């Protein structure tokens, strides 16, 4: 026999979540204004030593965007910041990825992976 709503209502409610531990303690905060622990000289907010926000903002320098100006040398070979210099390879340097050992070379992409990439991951 299926329980009816009246029989279910007579049973005590048992929550599905079990709370572990005790309740968190209620922290009592001080009623008066105190200085921040990291403040210098324990200056209270709104005191005579504390400057207002307006005064602080007057003393700050506003942010100004400066355009980038570069001096281009007309005799330079490349236009970039860096120049290519031909030099011999040093120890532990390679000229190509194909000079790496087989275990460090990039693996070729098979057709299934290529189809997955081209379709955006959907088949």
C-alpha atoms as a PDB file:
ATOM      1  CA  UNK A   1       0.000   0.000   0.000  1.00  0.00           C
ATOM      2  CA  UNK A   2       1.319   3.431  -0.918  1.00  0.00           C
ATOM      3  CA  UNK A   3       1.568   6.007   1.875  1.00  0.00           C
ATOM      4  CA  UNK A   4      -0.859   8.893   1.603  1.00  0.00           C
ATOM      5  CA  UNK A   5      -0.100  12.549   2.174  1.00  0.00           C
ATOM      6  CA  UNK A   6      -1.715  12.468   5.633  1.00  0.00           C
ATOM      7  CA  UNK A   7       0.437   9.551   6.740  1.00  0.00           C
ATOM      8  CA  UNK A   8       3.542  11.255   5.360  1.00  0.00           C
ATOM      9  CA  UNK A   9       2.632  14.476   7.193  1.00  0.00           C
ATOM     10  CA  UNK A  10       2.462  12.663  10.556  1.00  0.00           C
ATOM     11  CA  UNK A  11       6.057  11.478  10.279  1.00  0.00           C
ATOM     12  CA  UNK A  12       8.836  13.717  11.523  1.00  0.00           C
ATOM     13  CA  UNK A  13      10.847  15.477   8.838  1.00  0.00           C
ATOM     14  CA  UNK A  14      14.323  14.032   8.444  1.00  0.00           C
ATOM     15  CA  UNK A  15      16.685  16.284   6.464  1.00  0.00           C
ATOM     16  CA  UNK A  16      18.707  14.606   3.735  1.00  0.00           C
ATOM     17  CA  UNK A  17      21.799  16.666   4.596  1.00  0.00           C
ATOM     18  CA  UNK A  18      23.646  15.863   7.788  1.00  0.00           C
ATOM     19  CA  UNK A  19      25.465  18.833   9.274  1.00  0.00           C
ATOM     20  CA  UNK A  20      28.737  17.913  10.938  1.00  0.00           C
ATOM     21  CA  UNK A  21      30.275  19.873  13.785  1.00  0.00           C
ATOM     22  CA  UNK A  22      28.983  22.676  15.928  1.00  0.00           C
ATOM     23  CA  UNK A  23      27.483  26.009  14.995  1.00  0.00           C
ATOM     24  CA  UNK A  24      29.888  28.792  14.139  1.00  0.00           C
ATOM     25  CA  UNK A  25      30.525  31.209  16.983  1.00  0.00           C
ATOM     26  CA  UNK A  26      29.087  34.713  16.689  1.00  0.00           C
ATOM     27  CA  UNK A  27      31.942  37.206  16.772  1.00  0.00           C
ATOM     28  CA  UNK A  28      31.291  40.401  18.700  1.00  0.00           C
ATOM     29  CA  UNK A  29      32.697  43.423  16.915  1.00  0.00           C
ATOM     30  CA  UNK A  30      33.735  46.539  18.826  1.00  0.00           C
ATOM     31  CA  UNK A  31      31.192  49.362  18.998  1.00  0.00           C
ATOM     32  CA  UNK A  32      33.767  52.141  18.549  1.00  0.00           C
ATOM     33  CA  UNK A  33      35.911  52.928  15.512  1.00  0.00           C
ATOM     34  CA  UNK A  34      39.403  51.470  15.717  1.00  0.00           C
ATOM     35  CA  UNK A  35      42.479  51.819  13.562  1.00  0.00           C
ATOM     36  CA  UNK A  36      43.235  49.198  10.964  1.00  0.00           C
ATOM     37  CA  UNK A  37      45.957  46.768  12.163  1.00  0.00           C
ATOM     38  CA  UNK A  38      48.126  47.608   9.140  1.00  0.00           C
ATOM     39  CA  UNK A  39      47.740  51.389   9.404  1.00  0.00           C
ATOM     40  CA  UNK A  40      50.796  53.466  10.176  1.00  0.00           C
ATOM     41  CA  UNK A  41      50.822  55.287  13.527  1.00  0.00           C
ATOM     42  CA  UNK A  42      47.360  53.830  14.271  1.00  0.00           C
ATOM     43  CA  UNK A  43      45.579  56.740  12.548  1.00  0.00           C
ATOM     44  CA  UNK A  44      41.807  56.584  12.949  1.00  0.00           C
ATOM     45  CA  UNK A  45      39.579  57.215   9.926  1.00  0.00           C
ATOM     46  CA  UNK A  46      38.138  60.732   9.977  1.00  0.00           C
ATOM     47  CA  UNK A  47      40.751  62.071  12.413  1.00  0.00           C
ATOM     48  CA  UNK A  48      42.697  65.301  11.888  1.00  0.00           C
ATOM     49  CA  UNK A  49      45.828  63.388  10.775  1.00  0.00           C
ATOM     50  CA  UNK A  50      43.866  61.499   8.124  1.00  0.00           C
ATOM     51  CA  UNK A  51      43.544  63.312   4.791  1.00  0.00           C
ATOM     52  CA  UNK A  52      40.300  63.272   2.831  1.00  0.00           C
ATOM     53  CA  UNK A  53      39.830  61.419  -0.422  1.00  0.00           C
ATOM     54  CA  UNK A  54      39.455  64.683  -2.344  1.00  0.00           C
ATOM     55  CA  UNK A  55      42.773  65.964  -1.015  1.00  0.00           C
ATOM     56  CA  UNK A  56      44.482  62.665  -1.827  1.00  0.00           C
ATOM     57  CA  UNK A  57      43.152  62.671  -5.387  1.00  0.00           C
ATOM     58  CA  UNK A  58      44.314  66.281  -5.906  1.00  0.00           C
ATOM     59  CA  UNK A  59      47.874  65.218  -5.067  1.00  0.00           C
ATOM     60  CA  UNK A  60      47.926  62.268  -7.454  1.00  0.00           C
ATOM     61  CA  UNK A  61      49.108  62.644 -11.005  1.00  0.00           C
ATOM     62  CA  UNK A  62      46.388  61.635 -13.477  1.00  0.00           C
ATOM     63  CA  UNK A  63      47.118  58.779 -15.839  1.00  0.00           C
ATOM     64  CA  UNK A  64      48.229  60.024 -19.233  1.00  0.00           C
ATOM     65  CA  UNK A  65      48.521  57.902 -22.365  1.00  0.00           C
ATOM     66  CA  UNK A  66      51.794  58.600 -24.134  1.00  0.00           C
ATOM     67  CA  UNK A  67      52.013  57.559 -27.785  1.00  0.00           C
ATOM     68  CA  UNK A  68      54.877  55.266 -28.686  1.00  0.00           C
ATOM     69  CA  UNK A  69      57.502  56.992 -30.777  1.00  0.00           C
ATOM     70  CA  UNK A  70      60.250  54.980 -32.344  1.00  0.00           C
ATOM     71  CA  UNK A  71      63.250  56.244 -34.191  1.00  0.00           C
ATOM     72  CA  UNK A  72      63.588  54.232 -37.365  1.00  0.00           C
ATOM     73  CA  UNK A  73      67.098  53.999 -38.718  1.00  0.00           C
ATOM     74  CA  UNK A  74      66.943  54.274 -42.489  1.00  0.00           C
ATOM     75  CA  UNK A  75      70.129  52.208 -42.854  1.00  0.00           C
ATOM     76  CA  UNK A  76      68.771  49.298 -40.805  1.00  0.00           C
ATOM     77  CA  UNK A  77      68.224  46.031 -42.650  1.00  0.00           C
ATOM     78  CA  UNK A  78      65.139  44.935 -40.719  1.00  0.00           C
ATOM     79  CA  UNK A  79      62.278  47.039 -39.450  1.00  0.00           C
ATOM     80  CA  UNK A  80      61.878  44.977 -36.291  1.00  0.00           C
ATOM     81  CA  UNK A  81      63.327  45.510 -32.870  1.00  0.00           C
ATOM     82  CA  UNK A  82      65.546  42.448 -33.190  1.00  0.00           C
ATOM     83  CA  UNK A  83      67.966  41.680 -35.957  1.00  0.00           C
ATOM     84  CA  UNK A  84      68.925  38.255 -37.219  1.00  0.00           C
ATOM     85  CA  UNK A  85      72.610  37.437 -36.947  1.00  0.00           C
ATOM     86  CA  UNK A  86      74.001  34.387 -38.709  1.00  0.00           C
ATOM     87  CA  UNK A  87      76.067  32.388 -36.245  1.00  0.00           C
ATOM     88  CA  UNK A  88      77.111  28.771 -35.834  1.00  0.00           C
ATOM     89  CA  UNK A  89      75.037  26.526 -33.581  1.00  0.00           C
ATOM     90  CA  UNK A  90      76.284  26.180 -30.038  1.00  0.00           C
ATOM     91  CA  UNK A  91      76.283  23.078 -27.876  1.00  0.00           C
ATOM     92  CA  UNK A  92      72.792  21.598 -27.218  1.00  0.00           C
ATOM     93  CA  UNK A  93      71.197  23.747 -29.954  1.00  0.00           C
ATOM     94  CA  UNK A  94      69.349  22.392 -32.977  1.00  0.00           C
ATOM     95  CA  UNK A  95      68.561  23.920 -36.338  1.00  0.00           C
ATOM     96  CA  UNK A  96      65.256  22.064 -36.749  1.00  0.00           C
ATOM     97  CA  UNK A  97      62.670  20.150 -34.755  1.00  0.00           C
ATOM     98  CA  UNK A  98      63.417  17.208 -37.006  1.00  0.00           C
ATOM     99  CA  UNK A  99      66.898  16.976 -35.460  1.00  0.00           C
ATOM    100  CA  UNK A 100      65.358  16.008 -32.110  1.00  0.00           C
ATOM    101  CA  UNK A 101      65.275  12.368 -30.982  1.00  0.00           C
ATOM    102  CA  UNK A 102      62.138  10.489 -32.091  1.00  0.00           C
ATOM    103  CA  UNK A 103      60.504  10.578 -28.662  1.00  0.00           C
ATOM    104  CA  UNK A 104      60.622  14.411 -28.578  1.00  0.00           C
ATOM    105  CA  UNK A 105      59.433  15.054 -32.127  1.00  0.00           C
ATOM    106  CA  UNK A 106      55.848  16.201 -32.639  1.00  0.00           C
ATOM    107  CA  UNK A 107      53.611  13.330 -33.640  1.00  0.00           C
ATOM    108  CA  UNK A 108      51.845  13.588 -37.018  1.00  0.00           C
ATOM    109  CA  UNK A 109      48.117  14.326 -37.007  1.00  0.00           C
ATOM    110  CA  UNK A 110      46.063  11.370 -38.231  1.00  0.00           C
ATOM    111  CA  UNK A 111      42.931  11.714 -40.375  1.00  0.00           C
ATOM    112  CA  UNK A 112      40.477  11.141 -37.510  1.00  0.00           C
ATOM    113  CA  UNK A 113      42.054  13.892 -35.412  1.00  0.00           C
ATOM    114  CA  UNK A 114      42.176  16.207 -38.426  1.00  0.00           C
ATOM    115  CA  UNK A 115      38.454  15.640 -39.085  1.00  0.00           C
ATOM    116  CA  UNK A 116      37.710  16.341 -35.422  1.00  0.00           C
ATOM    117  CA  UNK A 117      39.660  19.613 -35.573  1.00  0.00           C
ATOM    118  CA  UNK A 118      38.012  20.714 -38.808  1.00  0.00           C
ATOM    119  CA  UNK A 119      34.512  19.939 -37.520  1.00  0.00           C
ATOM    120  CA  UNK A 120      35.075  21.854 -34.292  1.00  0.00           C
ATOM    121  CA  UNK A 121      35.038  18.733 -32.132  1.00  0.00           C
ATOM    122  CA  UNK A 122      31.629  17.509 -33.316  1.00  0.00           C
ATOM    123  CA  UNK A 123      31.227  14.439 -35.472  1.00  0.00           C
END
